[in-house]
N, C-alpha and C. Protein backbone atom coordinates (compact mmCIF):
# COMPACT_ATOMS: atom_id res chain seq x y z
N MET A 1 8.41 -107.95 12.66
CA MET A 1 8.02 -106.70 12.16
C MET A 1 8.43 -106.10 10.78
N HIS A 2 7.71 -105.24 9.99
CA HIS A 2 8.44 -104.77 8.67
C HIS A 2 8.99 -103.79 9.21
N ARG A 3 10.11 -103.32 8.51
CA ARG A 3 10.58 -101.40 8.68
C ARG A 3 11.39 -101.18 7.81
N VAL A 4 10.74 -100.05 7.29
CA VAL A 4 10.65 -98.94 6.75
C VAL A 4 11.35 -98.21 6.47
N PHE A 5 12.36 -97.92 6.08
CA PHE A 5 13.82 -97.36 6.48
C PHE A 5 13.95 -95.87 4.85
N VAL A 6 13.48 -94.36 5.27
CA VAL A 6 12.96 -93.73 5.03
C VAL A 6 14.50 -92.65 4.87
N VAL A 7 14.78 -92.09 2.76
CA VAL A 7 15.82 -91.80 2.56
C VAL A 7 15.47 -90.93 1.52
N SER A 8 15.70 -89.50 1.77
CA SER A 8 16.23 -88.32 0.67
C SER A 8 16.44 -87.86 0.44
N ASP A 9 16.94 -86.97 -0.86
CA ASP A 9 18.12 -86.49 -1.09
C ASP A 9 19.45 -86.39 -0.53
N ILE A 10 19.49 -87.51 -1.08
CA ILE A 10 20.79 -88.25 -1.79
C ILE A 10 21.71 -87.23 -2.62
N HIS A 11 21.30 -86.67 -3.52
CA HIS A 11 22.22 -85.37 -4.05
C HIS A 11 23.48 -85.83 -4.90
N GLY A 12 23.26 -87.24 -5.27
CA GLY A 12 25.23 -87.89 -4.99
C GLY A 12 26.34 -88.10 -4.37
N HIS A 13 25.74 -88.29 -3.08
CA HIS A 13 26.03 -88.64 -1.58
C HIS A 13 26.32 -89.70 -2.23
N TYR A 14 26.73 -90.95 -1.57
CA TYR A 14 26.93 -92.78 -1.94
C TYR A 14 27.40 -92.98 -0.93
N THR A 15 28.68 -92.10 -0.08
CA THR A 15 29.05 -93.00 0.75
C THR A 15 28.32 -92.07 2.06
N VAL A 16 28.04 -90.82 1.81
CA VAL A 16 27.10 -90.58 3.29
C VAL A 16 26.21 -91.11 3.80
N MET A 17 25.05 -91.61 1.99
CA MET A 17 24.17 -92.14 2.50
C MET A 17 24.23 -93.20 2.84
N LYS A 18 25.58 -94.33 2.36
CA LYS A 18 25.00 -95.77 3.01
C LYS A 18 25.98 -95.43 4.80
N GLU A 19 26.18 -94.47 5.19
CA GLU A 19 26.85 -94.39 6.39
C GLU A 19 25.40 -94.58 7.20
N ALA A 20 24.91 -93.75 6.54
CA ALA A 20 23.72 -93.01 6.77
C ALA A 20 22.33 -94.57 7.42
N LEU A 21 22.96 -95.49 6.49
CA LEU A 21 21.68 -96.56 6.15
C LEU A 21 22.79 -97.56 7.97
N ASP A 22 24.34 -97.38 7.89
CA ASP A 22 24.66 -98.32 8.37
C ASP A 22 23.75 -98.31 9.77
N GLU A 23 24.17 -96.80 9.92
CA GLU A 23 23.44 -96.12 11.12
C GLU A 23 22.85 -97.02 12.05
N ALA A 24 21.18 -96.18 10.73
CA ALA A 24 20.55 -96.88 10.95
C ALA A 24 19.82 -98.55 11.32
N GLY A 25 20.54 -99.02 10.82
CA GLY A 25 20.53 -100.62 10.96
C GLY A 25 19.87 -100.62 9.25
N PHE A 26 19.91 -100.14 8.91
CA PHE A 26 19.50 -100.88 7.49
C PHE A 26 19.94 -102.18 6.98
N ASP A 27 19.54 -103.79 6.48
CA ASP A 27 20.40 -104.55 6.56
C ASP A 27 19.18 -105.50 4.81
N PRO A 28 19.84 -104.76 4.11
CA PRO A 28 18.95 -105.70 3.03
C PRO A 28 18.98 -107.10 2.50
N SER A 29 19.85 -107.30 3.62
CA SER A 29 19.78 -108.94 3.40
C SER A 29 19.10 -109.45 4.46
N ARG A 30 18.45 -108.74 5.06
CA ARG A 30 17.04 -109.45 6.11
C ARG A 30 16.42 -108.63 5.11
N ASP A 31 15.11 -110.06 5.54
CA ASP A 31 13.77 -110.16 4.37
C ASP A 31 12.70 -108.21 5.29
N ASP A 32 12.57 -108.46 6.25
CA ASP A 32 11.93 -107.75 6.96
C ASP A 32 13.22 -105.90 6.72
N HIS A 33 13.06 -106.33 5.89
CA HIS A 33 13.36 -104.83 6.21
C HIS A 33 13.77 -103.91 3.73
N THR A 34 13.26 -103.15 4.25
CA THR A 34 13.18 -102.20 3.20
C THR A 34 13.20 -100.28 3.02
N LEU A 35 13.73 -100.61 1.53
CA LEU A 35 14.53 -98.78 1.80
C LEU A 35 13.28 -97.96 0.82
N LEU A 36 12.84 -96.70 1.36
CA LEU A 36 11.72 -95.67 0.82
C LEU A 36 12.69 -94.98 0.60
N ALA A 37 12.69 -94.45 -1.22
CA ALA A 37 13.55 -92.77 -0.78
C ALA A 37 12.53 -91.99 -1.71
N LEU A 38 12.51 -91.06 -1.52
CA LEU A 38 12.03 -89.89 -1.37
C LEU A 38 11.75 -88.54 -2.72
N GLY A 39 13.23 -89.30 -3.61
CA GLY A 39 13.45 -88.41 -4.31
C GLY A 39 14.88 -87.55 -3.85
N ASP A 40 15.32 -87.43 -5.22
CA ASP A 40 16.52 -85.90 -5.79
C ASP A 40 18.02 -87.07 -5.22
N TYR A 41 17.98 -88.13 -6.02
CA TYR A 41 19.09 -89.02 -6.55
C TYR A 41 20.46 -88.10 -7.18
N PHE A 42 20.36 -87.91 -7.89
CA PHE A 42 21.98 -86.54 -8.06
C PHE A 42 21.80 -85.13 -7.90
N ASP A 43 22.81 -85.40 -8.31
CA ASP A 43 23.03 -83.28 -8.37
C ASP A 43 24.01 -83.38 -7.07
N ARG A 44 24.93 -82.33 -7.48
CA ARG A 44 25.96 -81.83 -6.28
C ARG A 44 26.94 -82.99 -5.63
N GLY A 45 26.25 -83.77 -5.34
CA GLY A 45 27.88 -84.66 -4.52
C GLY A 45 28.25 -85.70 -6.26
N GLU A 46 29.38 -85.86 -5.43
CA GLU A 46 30.74 -86.44 -6.30
C GLU A 46 30.49 -88.22 -7.29
N GLU A 47 29.25 -88.54 -6.60
CA GLU A 47 29.26 -89.96 -6.71
C GLU A 47 27.69 -90.70 -6.62
N SER A 48 26.49 -89.83 -7.95
CA SER A 48 25.81 -89.64 -8.29
C SER A 48 25.77 -91.55 -9.57
N TYR A 49 26.46 -91.56 -10.11
CA TYR A 49 26.54 -92.96 -10.54
C TYR A 49 26.43 -93.75 -9.26
N GLU A 50 26.88 -94.14 -8.81
CA GLU A 50 27.17 -95.17 -6.77
C GLU A 50 26.07 -94.84 -6.54
N VAL A 51 25.02 -94.22 -6.97
CA VAL A 51 23.93 -94.13 -5.78
C VAL A 51 22.83 -94.37 -7.20
N TYR A 52 23.20 -94.22 -8.20
CA TYR A 52 22.02 -95.30 -8.65
C TYR A 52 22.82 -96.45 -9.06
N LYS A 53 23.19 -96.72 -8.94
CA LYS A 53 23.78 -98.40 -8.96
C LYS A 53 23.28 -98.61 -8.29
N TYR A 54 23.61 -98.24 -6.79
CA TYR A 54 23.41 -99.10 -5.64
C TYR A 54 21.42 -99.45 -5.22
N LEU A 55 20.95 -98.22 -5.98
CA LEU A 55 19.65 -98.16 -5.20
C LEU A 55 19.04 -98.91 -6.69
N ARG A 56 19.61 -99.23 -7.76
CA ARG A 56 18.91 -99.60 -8.85
C ARG A 56 18.76 -101.66 -8.23
N ASP A 57 20.16 -101.24 -7.65
CA ASP A 57 20.76 -103.17 -6.81
C ASP A 57 19.24 -103.28 -5.81
N LEU A 58 19.50 -102.41 -5.06
CA LEU A 58 18.21 -103.00 -4.41
C LEU A 58 16.52 -102.94 -4.56
N GLU A 59 16.19 -102.06 -5.86
CA GLU A 59 15.04 -102.29 -6.56
C GLU A 59 15.19 -103.38 -6.95
N LYS A 60 15.85 -104.22 -7.86
CA LYS A 60 15.83 -105.67 -8.31
C LYS A 60 15.74 -106.97 -7.61
N LYS A 61 16.41 -106.23 -6.64
CA LYS A 61 15.80 -107.54 -4.76
C LYS A 61 15.06 -107.17 -4.44
N GLY A 62 13.88 -106.32 -4.57
CA GLY A 62 12.71 -105.62 -4.02
C GLY A 62 13.10 -105.56 -2.74
N LYS A 63 13.58 -104.36 -3.13
CA LYS A 63 13.81 -103.83 -1.17
C LYS A 63 14.09 -102.90 -1.22
N ALA A 64 13.60 -102.03 -2.62
CA ALA A 64 13.04 -100.66 -1.97
C ALA A 64 12.50 -100.30 -2.99
N LYS A 65 11.72 -98.62 -2.87
CA LYS A 65 10.63 -98.29 -3.70
C LYS A 65 11.47 -96.45 -3.73
N PHE A 66 11.32 -96.51 -5.13
CA PHE A 66 11.41 -94.72 -5.24
C PHE A 66 9.73 -93.95 -5.81
N ILE A 67 10.58 -92.76 -4.80
CA ILE A 67 9.74 -91.27 -5.41
C ILE A 67 10.51 -90.55 -6.02
N LEU A 68 9.56 -89.75 -6.87
CA LEU A 68 10.84 -89.39 -8.22
C LEU A 68 10.87 -87.63 -7.52
N GLY A 69 11.82 -86.90 -7.60
CA GLY A 69 11.98 -85.58 -7.00
C GLY A 69 12.79 -84.72 -8.42
N ASN A 70 12.38 -82.63 -7.93
CA ASN A 70 12.29 -82.56 -8.84
C ASN A 70 14.02 -82.53 -9.28
N HIS A 71 14.87 -82.36 -9.13
CA HIS A 71 16.70 -83.07 -9.13
C HIS A 71 16.57 -84.87 -10.50
N ASP A 72 15.82 -85.01 -10.18
CA ASP A 72 15.49 -86.77 -11.47
C ASP A 72 15.37 -85.93 -12.37
N LEU A 73 14.32 -85.00 -12.68
CA LEU A 73 13.43 -84.43 -13.23
C LEU A 73 14.61 -83.67 -13.94
N PHE A 74 16.02 -83.79 -13.67
CA PHE A 74 16.72 -82.64 -14.27
C PHE A 74 17.76 -84.08 -15.39
N MET A 75 18.02 -84.87 -14.69
CA MET A 75 18.37 -85.92 -15.77
C MET A 75 17.08 -86.37 -16.50
N ILE A 76 15.70 -86.54 -16.13
CA ILE A 76 15.13 -86.44 -17.55
C ILE A 76 15.01 -85.91 -18.88
N GLU A 77 14.74 -84.45 -17.85
CA GLU A 77 15.40 -83.37 -18.55
C GLU A 77 16.66 -83.51 -20.00
N PHE A 78 17.77 -84.18 -19.48
CA PHE A 78 19.13 -84.23 -20.24
C PHE A 78 19.12 -85.28 -20.90
N LEU A 79 18.16 -86.53 -20.42
CA LEU A 79 18.03 -87.12 -21.52
C LEU A 79 17.40 -87.40 -22.82
N GLU A 80 15.78 -86.78 -22.52
CA GLU A 80 15.58 -86.14 -23.20
C GLU A 80 16.17 -85.04 -24.49
N GLY A 81 17.15 -84.66 -23.96
CA GLY A 81 17.28 -84.19 -25.09
C GLY A 81 17.28 -81.72 -25.16
N GLN A 82 16.43 -81.79 -23.89
CA GLN A 82 16.15 -80.49 -23.57
C GLN A 82 17.44 -79.52 -22.73
N ASP A 83 18.62 -79.45 -23.84
CA ASP A 83 19.29 -78.95 -23.62
C ASP A 83 19.69 -77.63 -22.67
N ASP A 84 19.17 -76.41 -23.21
CA ASP A 84 18.77 -74.99 -22.55
C ASP A 84 18.21 -75.68 -21.03
N ARG A 85 17.67 -76.75 -20.70
CA ARG A 85 17.43 -76.83 -19.18
C ARG A 85 18.94 -77.36 -18.44
N VAL A 86 19.22 -78.05 -19.53
CA VAL A 86 20.72 -79.34 -19.48
C VAL A 86 21.32 -78.01 -18.75
N ARG A 87 21.65 -77.00 -19.59
CA ARG A 87 22.93 -75.87 -19.56
C ARG A 87 22.73 -75.10 -17.92
N PHE A 88 21.33 -74.96 -17.87
CA PHE A 88 20.85 -73.54 -16.81
C PHE A 88 21.59 -74.72 -15.30
N ASN A 89 21.03 -75.82 -15.30
CA ASN A 89 20.96 -77.21 -14.94
C ASN A 89 22.37 -77.22 -14.19
N ILE A 90 23.34 -77.48 -15.66
CA ILE A 90 24.78 -77.49 -14.88
C ILE A 90 25.23 -76.26 -14.49
N MET A 91 25.17 -75.35 -14.87
CA MET A 91 26.28 -73.67 -14.41
C MET A 91 25.07 -73.86 -12.29
N HIS A 92 23.69 -74.17 -12.38
CA HIS A 92 23.41 -73.97 -10.79
C HIS A 92 22.86 -74.36 -10.55
N ASN A 93 22.21 -76.43 -10.60
CA ASN A 93 21.53 -77.08 -9.86
C ASN A 93 22.90 -78.48 -9.98
N GLY A 94 23.92 -78.38 -9.70
CA GLY A 94 25.41 -79.39 -9.96
C GLY A 94 25.64 -79.88 -10.74
N PHE A 95 24.35 -80.02 -11.75
CA PHE A 95 24.51 -81.38 -12.96
C PHE A 95 25.27 -81.53 -13.07
N GLY A 96 26.68 -80.22 -12.98
CA GLY A 96 27.56 -81.03 -13.90
C GLY A 96 28.55 -82.21 -12.83
N ASP A 97 27.82 -81.71 -11.73
CA ASP A 97 28.70 -83.05 -11.43
C ASP A 97 28.27 -84.81 -11.08
N THR A 98 26.98 -84.94 -11.17
CA THR A 98 26.00 -85.83 -12.06
C THR A 98 27.00 -85.86 -13.52
N LEU A 99 26.91 -85.19 -14.41
CA LEU A 99 27.72 -86.16 -15.28
C LEU A 99 29.67 -86.51 -15.61
N ARG A 100 29.57 -85.61 -14.58
CA ARG A 100 30.73 -86.09 -14.52
C ARG A 100 30.75 -87.67 -13.90
N SER A 101 30.35 -87.75 -12.67
CA SER A 101 30.15 -89.34 -12.18
C SER A 101 29.51 -90.12 -12.90
N PHE A 102 28.53 -89.91 -13.91
CA PHE A 102 27.77 -90.75 -14.48
C PHE A 102 28.85 -91.24 -15.97
N THR A 103 29.77 -89.97 -15.94
CA THR A 103 31.03 -90.76 -17.35
C THR A 103 31.64 -90.28 -17.00
N GLY A 104 32.52 -90.35 -16.27
CA GLY A 104 33.94 -90.26 -15.73
C GLY A 104 35.09 -89.46 -16.53
N GLN A 105 34.53 -87.92 -17.12
CA GLN A 105 35.44 -86.98 -17.75
C GLN A 105 34.79 -86.19 -15.59
N LYS A 106 36.55 -85.85 -15.89
CA LYS A 106 36.82 -84.59 -14.98
C LYS A 106 36.30 -83.23 -14.86
N THR A 107 36.41 -82.66 -15.88
CA THR A 107 35.57 -81.94 -15.84
C THR A 107 34.36 -81.54 -16.97
N ILE A 108 33.16 -80.78 -16.97
CA ILE A 108 32.16 -80.02 -17.55
C ILE A 108 32.19 -78.72 -17.78
N ASP A 109 32.33 -78.66 -18.66
CA ASP A 109 32.36 -76.95 -19.34
C ASP A 109 30.94 -76.61 -19.41
N TYR A 110 30.71 -75.63 -18.68
CA TYR A 110 28.82 -74.96 -18.88
C TYR A 110 28.65 -74.81 -20.48
N PHE A 111 29.27 -74.14 -20.59
CA PHE A 111 28.84 -74.22 -22.24
C PHE A 111 29.21 -74.55 -23.49
N GLY A 112 30.40 -75.53 -23.71
CA GLY A 112 30.80 -76.23 -24.71
C GLY A 112 30.66 -77.18 -24.40
N ALA A 113 30.33 -77.72 -23.57
CA ALA A 113 30.03 -79.57 -23.39
C ALA A 113 29.14 -79.88 -24.20
N ASP A 114 29.69 -81.10 -25.08
CA ASP A 114 28.72 -81.73 -26.57
C ASP A 114 27.93 -82.69 -25.63
N LEU A 115 26.76 -82.15 -24.85
CA LEU A 115 25.15 -82.46 -24.13
C LEU A 115 25.03 -84.53 -25.02
N GLU A 116 24.91 -84.02 -26.50
CA GLU A 116 24.78 -85.23 -27.33
C GLU A 116 26.00 -86.62 -27.27
N LYS A 117 27.19 -85.48 -27.10
CA LYS A 117 28.40 -87.49 -26.43
C LYS A 117 28.29 -87.02 -25.34
N LEU A 118 27.55 -86.56 -24.26
CA LEU A 118 27.41 -86.99 -23.12
C LEU A 118 26.47 -87.89 -22.81
N ARG A 119 25.00 -87.99 -23.36
CA ARG A 119 23.54 -88.27 -23.62
C ARG A 119 24.44 -89.56 -23.99
N LYS A 120 25.68 -90.33 -24.97
CA LYS A 120 25.14 -91.28 -25.15
C LYS A 120 25.86 -92.60 -23.96
N GLN A 121 26.62 -90.64 -23.54
CA GLN A 121 27.70 -91.85 -23.13
C GLN A 121 27.01 -92.83 -21.45
N VAL A 122 26.12 -92.00 -21.24
CA VAL A 122 25.55 -91.82 -20.30
C VAL A 122 24.54 -92.98 -20.03
N LYS A 123 24.01 -93.22 -21.29
CA LYS A 123 22.58 -93.95 -21.90
C LYS A 123 23.32 -95.75 -21.59
N LYS A 124 24.92 -95.02 -22.18
CA LYS A 124 25.58 -96.82 -22.28
C LYS A 124 26.19 -97.58 -21.67
N VAL A 125 26.29 -96.32 -20.58
CA VAL A 125 25.80 -97.33 -18.85
C VAL A 125 25.51 -97.45 -17.39
N ALA A 126 24.29 -97.10 -18.38
CA ALA A 126 23.03 -96.76 -17.67
C ALA A 126 21.82 -96.88 -18.57
N PRO A 127 21.68 -97.74 -19.02
CA PRO A 127 20.81 -98.11 -20.45
C PRO A 127 18.94 -98.56 -19.70
N ASP A 128 18.98 -98.83 -18.55
CA ASP A 128 17.63 -98.14 -18.33
C ASP A 128 17.22 -96.82 -17.26
N LEU A 129 18.54 -96.35 -17.33
CA LEU A 129 17.89 -94.66 -16.80
C LEU A 129 16.80 -94.08 -16.65
N TYR A 130 16.50 -93.61 -17.95
CA TYR A 130 15.33 -93.00 -18.66
C TYR A 130 13.89 -93.61 -17.77
N GLU A 131 13.58 -94.66 -18.32
CA GLU A 131 12.24 -95.87 -17.87
C GLU A 131 12.20 -95.81 -16.51
N TRP A 132 13.63 -95.89 -15.77
CA TRP A 132 13.11 -95.90 -14.02
C TRP A 132 12.98 -94.23 -13.48
N LEU A 133 13.26 -93.74 -14.25
CA LEU A 133 13.09 -92.88 -13.19
C LEU A 133 11.28 -92.07 -14.10
N ASP A 134 10.82 -92.09 -15.98
CA ASP A 134 9.86 -91.50 -16.51
C ASP A 134 9.13 -91.88 -15.42
N THR A 135 9.01 -93.85 -14.80
CA THR A 135 7.73 -94.37 -14.17
C THR A 135 8.38 -94.19 -13.08
N MET A 136 8.44 -93.87 -12.05
CA MET A 136 8.53 -93.29 -10.56
C MET A 136 7.09 -92.97 -10.27
N PRO A 137 6.56 -93.28 -9.44
CA PRO A 137 5.39 -92.63 -8.66
C PRO A 137 6.04 -91.64 -7.89
N LEU A 138 5.18 -90.62 -7.84
CA LEU A 138 5.21 -89.45 -7.51
C LEU A 138 4.55 -89.71 -6.15
N PHE A 139 3.87 -90.50 -5.59
CA PHE A 139 3.54 -90.13 -4.30
C PHE A 139 3.69 -92.15 -3.50
N ILE A 140 3.30 -92.44 -3.06
CA ILE A 140 3.35 -93.48 -2.64
C ILE A 140 2.16 -93.73 -0.62
N GLU A 141 1.46 -94.16 -1.54
CA GLU A 141 0.15 -93.81 0.29
C GLU A 141 0.15 -95.54 1.45
N HIS A 142 0.67 -95.32 2.27
CA HIS A 142 -0.04 -96.02 3.14
C HIS A 142 -0.25 -96.10 4.53
N GLU A 143 -2.15 -95.90 4.21
CA GLU A 143 -2.51 -96.29 5.92
C GLU A 143 -3.16 -94.72 5.56
N ASP A 144 -2.56 -93.91 6.36
CA ASP A 144 -2.66 -93.06 6.70
C ASP A 144 -1.78 -91.65 6.18
N THR A 145 -0.84 -92.45 5.94
CA THR A 145 0.23 -91.35 5.18
C THR A 145 0.87 -91.41 3.70
N ILE A 146 0.95 -90.23 3.37
CA ILE A 146 1.17 -90.46 2.08
C ILE A 146 2.86 -90.10 2.00
N PHE A 147 3.50 -90.31 1.18
CA PHE A 147 5.35 -90.35 1.08
C PHE A 147 5.31 -89.77 -0.23
N THR A 148 5.78 -88.54 -0.36
CA THR A 148 6.50 -87.68 -1.72
C THR A 148 7.17 -86.65 -1.55
N HIS A 149 7.80 -86.52 -1.92
CA HIS A 149 9.21 -85.81 -2.61
C HIS A 149 9.11 -83.78 -2.44
N GLY A 150 7.61 -83.52 -3.65
CA GLY A 150 7.64 -81.92 -2.56
C GLY A 150 6.88 -82.00 -1.49
N GLY A 151 5.37 -82.11 -2.32
CA GLY A 151 4.04 -81.43 -1.40
C GLY A 151 2.82 -81.87 -1.92
N ILE A 152 1.91 -81.72 -1.21
CA ILE A 152 0.49 -82.33 -1.76
C ILE A 152 -0.49 -81.15 -1.03
N ASP A 153 -1.55 -80.69 -2.44
CA ASP A 153 -1.80 -80.34 -1.57
C ASP A 153 -3.57 -80.45 -1.54
N GLY A 154 -3.33 -79.98 -0.16
CA GLY A 154 -5.29 -80.70 0.25
C GLY A 154 -6.80 -80.39 0.12
N ASP A 155 -6.21 -79.31 -0.75
CA ASP A 155 -7.30 -78.20 -1.14
C ASP A 155 -8.17 -78.38 -1.72
N ASN A 156 -7.21 -79.93 -2.89
CA ASN A 156 -7.80 -80.09 -3.79
C ASN A 156 -8.32 -81.88 -3.69
N PRO A 157 -9.59 -81.61 -3.93
CA PRO A 157 -10.05 -83.20 -3.09
C PRO A 157 -9.92 -84.44 -4.81
N ASP A 158 -9.45 -83.62 -5.78
CA ASP A 158 -8.47 -84.83 -6.68
C ASP A 158 -7.03 -84.59 -6.68
N TRP A 159 -6.45 -84.79 -5.48
CA TRP A 159 -4.76 -84.41 -5.17
C TRP A 159 -3.75 -85.46 -6.14
N GLN A 160 -4.40 -86.25 -6.09
CA GLN A 160 -3.42 -88.05 -6.34
C GLN A 160 -3.00 -86.99 -8.04
N ARG A 161 -4.06 -86.91 -8.57
CA ARG A 161 -3.99 -85.94 -10.36
C ARG A 161 -3.36 -84.90 -10.43
N THR A 162 -2.30 -84.41 -9.08
CA THR A 162 -1.59 -83.60 -9.08
C THR A 162 -0.70 -83.24 -9.84
N PRO A 163 -1.10 -81.68 -10.75
CA PRO A 163 0.89 -81.44 -11.62
C PRO A 163 1.46 -82.33 -11.52
N ARG A 164 2.97 -83.40 -12.28
CA ARG A 164 3.79 -83.74 -11.43
C ARG A 164 5.28 -82.47 -10.26
N GLU A 165 4.97 -81.05 -11.20
CA GLU A 165 5.53 -80.35 -10.55
C GLU A 165 4.89 -79.77 -9.91
N VAL A 166 4.25 -80.01 -8.28
CA VAL A 166 3.80 -79.83 -7.63
C VAL A 166 3.92 -80.59 -6.85
N PHE A 167 4.14 -81.88 -7.45
CA PHE A 167 4.34 -83.20 -6.26
C PHE A 167 6.16 -82.85 -5.83
N VAL A 168 6.53 -82.70 -7.31
CA VAL A 168 8.29 -82.63 -7.39
C VAL A 168 8.76 -81.00 -6.79
N TRP A 169 8.04 -80.04 -6.58
CA TRP A 169 8.86 -78.99 -6.61
C TRP A 169 7.92 -78.18 -4.69
N GLN A 170 6.61 -78.28 -4.98
CA GLN A 170 5.80 -77.67 -4.13
C GLN A 170 6.73 -77.80 -2.76
N TYR A 171 6.63 -77.20 -1.62
CA TYR A 171 6.45 -77.05 0.14
C TYR A 171 5.30 -77.46 0.58
N GLN A 172 5.52 -78.49 1.16
CA GLN A 172 4.76 -79.14 2.33
C GLN A 172 4.03 -77.90 3.45
N ASP A 173 4.85 -77.85 3.86
CA ASP A 173 4.93 -75.87 4.76
C ASP A 173 3.72 -74.64 4.31
N THR A 174 3.86 -74.89 2.57
CA THR A 174 2.61 -73.91 2.37
C THR A 174 1.14 -74.64 1.83
N LEU A 175 1.70 -75.75 2.45
CA LEU A 175 0.08 -76.71 1.97
C LEU A 175 -0.33 -76.91 3.48
N ARG A 176 -1.52 -77.13 2.71
CA ARG A 176 -2.76 -78.54 3.70
C ARG A 176 -2.47 -79.68 3.02
N PRO A 177 -2.34 -80.41 4.10
CA PRO A 177 -2.14 -82.34 3.72
C PRO A 177 -3.90 -82.25 3.47
N PRO A 178 -4.18 -83.47 2.46
CA PRO A 178 -5.90 -84.32 2.40
C PRO A 178 -6.37 -84.18 3.84
N GLU A 179 -7.02 -84.41 3.68
CA GLU A 179 -8.05 -84.43 4.95
C GLU A 179 -7.73 -86.85 6.16
N GLY A 180 -7.47 -85.70 7.43
CA GLY A 180 -7.06 -87.43 7.62
C GLY A 180 -5.82 -88.04 7.48
N LYS A 181 -4.91 -87.31 6.57
CA LYS A 181 -3.92 -88.11 5.97
C LYS A 181 -2.46 -86.67 6.86
N ARG A 182 -1.18 -87.31 7.36
CA ARG A 182 -0.44 -87.26 6.87
C ARG A 182 0.59 -87.20 6.84
N VAL A 183 1.21 -86.69 6.08
CA VAL A 183 2.35 -85.72 4.48
C VAL A 183 3.74 -86.48 5.17
N VAL A 184 4.73 -87.22 4.48
CA VAL A 184 5.81 -87.08 4.60
C VAL A 184 6.80 -86.48 3.70
N VAL A 185 7.94 -85.44 3.68
CA VAL A 185 8.19 -85.51 2.40
C VAL A 185 9.34 -85.24 2.55
N GLY A 186 9.94 -85.40 1.29
CA GLY A 186 11.83 -85.10 1.39
C GLY A 186 11.57 -83.17 0.68
N HIS A 187 12.41 -83.05 0.25
CA HIS A 187 13.17 -81.70 -0.59
C HIS A 187 13.17 -80.29 0.22
N ASP A 188 12.72 -80.57 1.77
CA ASP A 188 12.83 -79.23 2.27
C ASP A 188 13.43 -79.62 3.35
N ARG A 189 14.03 -78.56 3.80
CA ARG A 189 15.47 -78.19 5.07
C ARG A 189 14.71 -78.36 6.35
N THR A 190 15.40 -79.25 6.84
CA THR A 190 14.65 -79.15 8.23
C THR A 190 16.34 -79.17 9.35
N ALA A 191 15.53 -78.89 10.65
CA ALA A 191 16.25 -78.65 12.00
C ALA A 191 17.10 -79.49 12.38
N LEU A 192 18.43 -80.50 12.83
CA LEU A 192 18.99 -81.15 13.49
C LEU A 192 18.16 -81.01 15.48
């Protein structure tokens, strides 16, 4: 029997992610184990680069699939040069932690950071990062279950063409799932 392990909202916490996967029994050397990650790989934690390296390695071995999250959009915006958005995300969303992890810099100045220099450093250590993120699916459908980061509006009969921002920013508890489907998301907090 094939086992799929689902994780979401890693937020730069490589050590915690690895401990949780180990505790759950995920073994990437086993042919019958696969990881499905539902977005938000970066920001807030201090190990975003380690998360990236680990996940990319799993993907290259055919052991993982990924879905785009809203914090992953922040990295796309950074790599595209949307500097006003980047500075906002440094100040409010933990993106400075991500930049420190990828560049090795101890501090990132909210207002005075040389973002072009930082972009060059990130592209040097992770040359395929933009393509990896930009080509991630917004959802993965398996039988009667749809996995996504944020939400799916089942009231839209053409929900597969929902704008990217809805898939990564919405909260499923405010939306009706598509008829006959169960929606599994990250993004939202759950009670233990």
